[in-house]
């Protein structure tokens, strides 16, 4: 079973593309040395980022046009 679930992750953003960008940007930050915001026993930056998003530690805001 995948953790966190896809069903939960869909509730965190308005589209799967937004989720993808959020995870990619946060994973890049983790690779560059920024501290983890969650305590999970995982070493992969993308997986860490996904867990942070699932725990509402990483969010996004749309720019007004």
Protein backbone atom coordinates (compact mmCIF):
# COMPACT_ATOMS: atom_id res chain seq x y z
CA UNK A 1 0.00 0.00 0.00
CA UNK A 2 1.25 3.46 -0.86
CA UNK A 3 1.68 5.93 1.95
CA UNK A 4 0.28 8.54 2.00
CA UNK A 5 -2.72 7.50 -0.06
CA UNK A 6 -3.61 9.10 -3.38
CA UNK A 7 -7.06 9.90 -2.00
CA UNK A 8 -5.53 11.97 0.80
CA UNK A 9 -3.08 13.70 -1.52
CA UNK A 10 -5.84 14.77 -3.93
CA UNK A 11 -7.34 16.85 -1.11
CA UNK A 12 -4.11 18.82 -0.62
CA UNK A 13 -4.13 20.67 -3.96
CA UNK A 14 -6.44 21.68 -6.77
CA UNK A 15 -4.81 19.34 -9.31
CA UNK A 16 -2.30 16.54 -9.60
CA UNK A 17 -0.03 18.89 -11.53
CA UNK A 18 0.07 21.27 -8.56
CA UNK A 19 0.94 18.33 -6.30
CA UNK A 20 3.70 17.29 -8.65
CA UNK A 21 5.25 20.77 -8.71
CA UNK A 22 4.96 21.13 -4.92
CA UNK A 23 6.71 17.79 -4.35
CA UNK A 24 9.42 18.49 -6.93
CA UNK A 25 10.24 21.95 -5.55
CA UNK A 26 10.33 20.72 -1.96
CA UNK A 27 12.45 17.69 -2.90
CA UNK A 28 14.91 20.04 -4.59
CA UNK A 29 15.07 22.09 -1.38
CA UNK A 30 15.78 18.94 0.64
CA UNK A 31 18.56 17.90 -1.75
CA UNK A 32 20.10 21.38 -1.41
CA UNK A 33 20.29 20.91 2.35
CA UNK A 34 17.19 22.57 3.78
CA UNK A 35 15.97 20.81 6.94
CA UNK A 36 13.25 18.19 6.94
CA UNK A 37 9.94 19.27 8.42
CA UNK A 38 8.74 15.77 9.28
CA UNK A 39 10.25 12.82 11.07
CA UNK A 40 9.88 9.86 8.71
CA UNK A 41 12.33 7.00 8.30
CA UNK A 42 12.83 7.58 4.56
CA UNK A 43 15.89 8.80 2.66
CA UNK A 44 14.36 9.68 -0.71
CA UNK A 45 13.75 13.45 -1.07
CA UNK A 46 10.54 13.09 -3.10
CA UNK A 47 9.05 10.69 -0.55
CA UNK A 48 9.94 13.07 2.27
CA UNK A 49 8.33 15.94 0.36
CA UNK A 50 5.14 13.92 -0.20
CA UNK A 51 4.89 13.16 3.50
CA UNK A 52 5.38 16.84 4.34
CA UNK A 53 2.56 17.78 1.95
CA UNK A 54 0.29 15.09 3.43
CA UNK A 55 0.93 16.46 6.92
CA UNK A 56 0.07 20.02 5.76
CA UNK A 57 3.60 21.22 6.43
CA UNK A 58 3.95 22.35 2.82
CA UNK A 59 1.17 24.31 1.12
CA UNK A 60 0.78 26.61 -1.84
CA UNK A 61 -0.94 29.84 -2.74
CA UNK A 62 -2.09 30.88 -6.19
CA UNK A 63 -0.98 34.28 -7.39
CA UNK A 64 -3.78 36.68 -8.22
CA UNK A 65 -3.79 37.80 -11.82
